[in-house]
């Protein structure tokens, strides 16, 4: 589901693998498992999840984003999300999850916040 790269010291950047355009009940456990594994390794203080290619998210996907964010917070790892498509951003705003998550318009903005 995601590729994890260390592009900045102390920060991992997770990007969707080609062809993964949805975060839904069909793949949420893989997404959560991959991000939580990186958090649990305590190798990174920050993880940026670049959602540039995700164009659909369902309620399970929203719950997964909150779960990953909270797991990071509980393990002293900051999780940042960036490059949300208009459709995903609308769902996140409608559900007010944008008030919980740390969201940036671009990868560069997320990196600058470190």
Protein backbone atom coordinates (compact mmCIF):
# COMPACT_ATOMS: atom_id res chain seq x y z
CA UNK A 1 0.00 0.00 0.00
CA UNK A 2 2.69 2.54 1.03
CA UNK A 3 6.37 3.04 0.32
CA UNK A 4 8.41 4.34 3.23
CA UNK A 5 11.48 6.46 2.47
CA UNK A 6 13.90 8.31 4.73
CA UNK A 7 14.32 11.54 2.82
CA UNK A 8 15.09 13.77 5.79
CA UNK A 9 17.13 12.86 8.86
CA UNK A 10 14.72 11.74 11.57
CA UNK A 11 11.71 11.77 9.24
CA UNK A 12 10.11 9.03 7.17
CA UNK A 13 7.99 9.89 4.16
CA UNK A 14 5.21 7.46 3.27
CA UNK A 15 3.76 7.61 -0.24
CA UNK A 16 1.17 5.38 -1.88
CA UNK A 17 2.54 2.71 -4.20
CA UNK A 18 1.43 3.18 -7.81
CA UNK A 19 -2.10 1.98 -8.34
CA UNK A 20 -3.21 2.54 -4.72
CA UNK A 21 -5.73 5.35 -5.11
CA UNK A 22 -8.07 4.47 -2.24
CA UNK A 23 -7.93 4.21 1.52
CA UNK A 24 -10.93 2.04 2.29
CA UNK A 25 -11.98 -1.00 4.26
CA UNK A 26 -10.30 -3.14 1.60
CA UNK A 27 -6.77 -1.91 2.41
CA UNK A 28 -6.88 0.05 5.67
CA UNK A 29 -5.29 -2.72 7.75
CA UNK A 30 -2.25 -2.83 5.47
CA UNK A 31 -1.88 0.96 5.61
CA UNK A 32 -2.22 0.99 9.41
CA UNK A 33 0.18 -1.92 9.82
CA UNK A 34 2.88 -0.32 7.68
CA UNK A 35 2.74 3.08 9.40
CA UNK A 36 2.44 1.60 12.90
CA UNK A 37 5.46 -0.64 12.26
CA UNK A 38 7.54 2.43 11.42
CA UNK A 39 6.27 4.19 14.56
CA UNK A 40 6.97 1.14 16.75
CA UNK A 41 10.57 0.92 15.54
CA UNK A 42 11.21 4.32 17.17
CA UNK A 43 13.58 5.15 14.34
CA UNK A 44 11.80 8.35 13.30
CA UNK A 45 10.47 11.29 15.27
CA UNK A 46 8.30 12.41 12.35
CA UNK A 47 6.36 10.67 9.60
CA UNK A 48 4.88 12.53 6.68
CA UNK A 49 2.10 10.66 4.88
CA UNK A 50 1.95 12.05 1.34
CA UNK A 51 -1.57 11.28 0.15
CA UNK A 52 -1.12 12.80 -3.31
CA UNK A 53 -2.50 9.79 -5.17
CA UNK A 54 -5.33 8.90 -2.78
CA UNK A 55 -8.56 10.08 -4.36
CA UNK A 56 -11.11 8.14 -2.29
CA UNK A 57 -11.46 7.55 1.43
CA UNK A 58 -14.31 5.88 3.31
CA UNK A 59 -15.26 5.94 6.99
CA UNK A 60 -12.88 3.08 7.75
CA UNK A 61 -10.06 5.03 6.08
CA UNK A 62 -10.90 8.08 8.20
CA UNK A 63 -10.76 5.97 11.33
CA UNK A 64 -7.43 4.59 10.19
CA UNK A 65 -5.96 8.09 9.81
CA UNK A 66 -7.05 8.97 13.34
CA UNK A 67 -5.73 5.67 14.69
CA UNK A 68 -2.31 6.15 13.07
CA UNK A 69 -2.16 9.77 14.24
CA UNK A 70 -2.98 8.77 17.83
CA UNK A 71 -0.56 5.83 17.79
CA UNK A 72 2.18 8.21 16.70
CA UNK A 73 1.31 10.74 19.38
CA UNK A 74 1.30 8.02 22.05
CA UNK A 75 4.79 6.99 20.93
CA UNK A 76 6.32 10.49 20.64
CA UNK A 77 6.17 10.45 16.85
CA UNK A 78 4.51 13.29 14.98
CA UNK A 79 2.38 12.24 12.02
CA UNK A 80 1.73 14.82 9.31
CA UNK A 81 -0.49 14.41 6.27
CA UNK A 82 -0.09 16.33 3.02
CA UNK A 83 -1.27 16.63 -0.58
CA UNK A 84 -4.89 15.66 0.05
CA UNK A 85 -6.99 15.50 -3.10
CA UNK A 86 -10.03 17.78 -3.20
CA UNK A 87 -12.37 14.82 -2.62
CA UNK A 88 -10.42 13.53 0.39
CA UNK A 89 -10.02 17.05 1.82
CA UNK A 90 -13.78 17.61 1.54
CA UNK A 91 -14.57 14.41 3.44
CA UNK A 92 -12.03 15.27 6.13
CA UNK A 93 -13.43 18.81 6.50
CA UNK A 94 -17.06 17.64 6.54
CA UNK A 95 -16.28 15.21 9.35
CA UNK A 96 -14.14 17.85 11.14
CA UNK A 97 -11.22 15.48 11.32
CA UNK A 98 -9.09 18.33 9.98
CA UNK A 99 -9.29 19.77 13.51
CA UNK A 100 -7.52 16.68 14.85
CA UNK A 101 -4.97 15.76 12.18
CA UNK A 102 -1.86 17.74 11.27
CA UNK A 103 -2.51 18.52 7.58
CA UNK A 104 -0.40 20.48 5.08
CA UNK A 105 -1.18 21.47 1.50
CA UNK A 106 2.13 20.24 0.07
CA UNK A 107 5.02 17.94 0.93
CA UNK A 108 7.31 20.95 1.07
CA UNK A 109 5.04 22.65 3.62
CA UNK A 110 4.98 19.49 5.75
CA UNK A 111 8.79 19.26 5.59
CA UNK A 112 9.11 22.94 6.52
CA UNK A 113 7.04 22.35 9.65
CA UNK A 114 9.65 19.96 11.07
